[in-house]
């Protein structure tokens, strides 16, 4: 997972393989159910450790919004983001025009000339 390359990771993990054999073996290993489950668990853990979820993001925006020393534009923008995530701004759009749902089927006889 560190290298982003299965064959390279296979070799770095200490398995003896080179060239195409590393690629083939790594590819085979990536189809192993236990390896797949490990990668999924690891990715989920990385997501929660590294990527901010909505709650953390809203806490960050709230901190900025309430910071009286922050620039007023930043405070307003933070309040806008919070309001949007809470559904305060519902944008309605009206679409005008007709829709023709008519589908025509026809047969063109290839034996007839124009």
Protein backbone atom coordinates (compact mmCIF):
# COMPACT_ATOMS: atom_id res chain seq x y z
CA UNK A 1 0.00 0.00 0.00
CA UNK A 2 2.92 2.36 0.64
CA UNK A 3 4.35 2.11 -2.85
CA UNK A 4 1.10 2.06 -4.79
CA UNK A 5 2.59 -0.75 -6.89
CA UNK A 6 1.76 -4.35 -6.05
CA UNK A 7 4.89 -5.89 -7.61
CA UNK A 8 7.21 -3.40 -5.93
CA UNK A 9 5.49 -3.93 -2.59
CA UNK A 10 5.74 -7.70 -3.06
CA UNK A 11 9.52 -7.42 -3.50
CA UNK A 12 9.92 -4.94 -0.61
CA UNK A 13 7.98 -7.29 1.65
CA UNK A 14 10.83 -9.76 1.22
CA UNK A 15 9.39 -12.21 -1.23
CA UNK A 16 11.97 -13.46 -3.71
CA UNK A 17 10.78 -12.54 -7.15
CA UNK A 18 11.89 -10.31 -9.93
CA UNK A 19 10.46 -8.82 -13.09
CA UNK A 20 7.28 -10.41 -14.35
CA UNK A 21 7.20 -13.07 -11.67
CA UNK A 22 6.78 -10.38 -9.00
CA UNK A 23 3.91 -8.91 -10.98
CA UNK A 24 2.25 -12.30 -11.42
CA UNK A 25 2.70 -13.26 -7.77
CA UNK A 26 1.53 -9.86 -6.52
CA UNK A 27 -1.52 -10.05 -8.76
CA UNK A 28 -2.32 -13.51 -7.38
CA UNK A 29 -1.86 -12.25 -3.82
CA UNK A 30 -4.27 -9.37 -4.43
CA UNK A 31 -7.00 -11.92 -5.20
CA UNK A 32 -6.54 -13.59 -1.80
CA UNK A 33 -9.62 -12.99 0.38
CA UNK A 34 -7.56 -12.31 3.52
CA UNK A 35 -5.39 -9.79 1.67
CA UNK A 36 -8.47 -8.07 0.22
CA UNK A 37 -10.06 -7.85 3.68
CA UNK A 38 -6.83 -6.48 5.18
CA UNK A 39 -6.56 -3.79 2.50
CA UNK A 40 -10.21 -2.80 3.03
CA UNK A 41 -9.76 -2.55 6.83
CA UNK A 42 -6.53 -0.57 6.38
CA UNK A 43 -8.18 1.86 3.94
CA UNK A 44 -11.12 2.38 6.30
CA UNK A 45 -8.73 3.11 9.16
CA UNK A 46 -6.75 5.53 7.01
CA UNK A 47 -9.96 7.28 6.01
CA UNK A 48 -10.92 7.86 9.65
CA UNK A 49 -7.40 8.87 10.71
CA UNK A 50 -6.53 11.16 7.81
CA UNK A 51 -9.70 12.44 6.17
CA UNK A 52 -11.91 14.81 8.14
CA UNK A 53 -15.50 13.71 8.42
CA UNK A 54 -18.43 16.13 8.33
CA UNK A 55 -18.57 16.49 12.11
CA UNK A 56 -14.89 17.47 12.34
CA UNK A 57 -15.30 19.86 9.41
CA UNK A 58 -18.30 21.52 11.03
CA UNK A 59 -16.38 21.86 14.32
CA UNK A 60 -13.55 23.55 12.39
CA UNK A 61 -15.97 25.95 10.68
CA UNK A 62 -17.62 26.69 14.02
CA UNK A 63 -14.25 27.54 15.58
CA UNK A 64 -13.55 30.01 12.77
CA UNK A 65 -17.06 31.45 12.89
CA UNK A 66 -16.81 32.10 16.64
CA UNK A 67 -13.26 33.48 16.55
CA UNK A 68 -13.68 37.21 17.10
CA UNK A 69 -10.08 37.78 15.97
CA UNK A 70 -10.64 36.12 12.59
CA UNK A 71 -11.37 38.18 9.51
CA UNK A 72 -15.10 38.87 9.18
CA UNK A 73 -15.12 37.42 5.65
CA UNK A 74 -13.74 34.11 6.96
CA UNK A 75 -16.29 34.09 9.77
CA UNK A 76 -19.14 34.73 7.35
CA UNK A 77 -17.91 32.07 4.93
CA UNK A 78 -17.65 29.55 7.77
CA UNK A 79 -21.21 30.35 8.87
CA UNK A 80 -22.37 29.96 5.28
CA UNK A 81 -20.75 26.50 5.03
CA UNK A 82 -22.38 25.43 8.29
CA UNK A 83 -25.77 26.69 7.13
CA UNK A 84 -25.43 24.91 3.78
CA UNK A 85 -24.55 21.59 5.40
CA UNK A 86 -27.59 22.00 7.64
CA UNK A 87 -29.84 22.57 4.61
CA UNK A 88 -30.58 26.25 5.34
CA UNK A 89 -30.24 27.28 1.71
CA UNK A 90 -32.53 25.33 -0.55
CA UNK A 91 -32.22 26.50 -4.10
CA UNK A 92 -35.27 26.07 -6.25
CA UNK A 93 -35.09 26.22 -10.02
CA UNK A 94 -37.97 26.28 -12.44
CA UNK A 95 -37.50 24.54 -15.75
CA UNK A 96 -39.72 25.66 -18.57
CA UNK A 97 -40.24 23.99 -21.90
CA UNK A 98 -41.80 20.96 -23.39
CA UNK A 99 -40.53 17.46 -23.57
CA UNK A 100 -41.35 15.30 -26.55
CA UNK A 101 -41.34 11.69 -25.44
CA UNK A 102 -42.54 10.44 -28.80
CA UNK A 103 -40.37 7.72 -30.25
CA UNK A 104 -40.92 6.73 -33.83
CA UNK A 105 -39.86 3.42 -35.28
CA UNK A 106 -39.56 2.90 -38.95
CA UNK A 107 -38.38 0.30 -41.36
CA UNK A 108 -36.19 1.14 -44.29
CA UNK A 109 -36.14 -1.52 -46.94
CA UNK A 110 -32.48 -1.84 -48.03
CA UNK A 111 -33.57 -3.25 -51.38
CA UNK A 112 -35.28 -0.01 -52.37
CA UNK A 113 -33.22 2.73 -53.97
CA UNK A 114 -33.88 6.40 -53.25
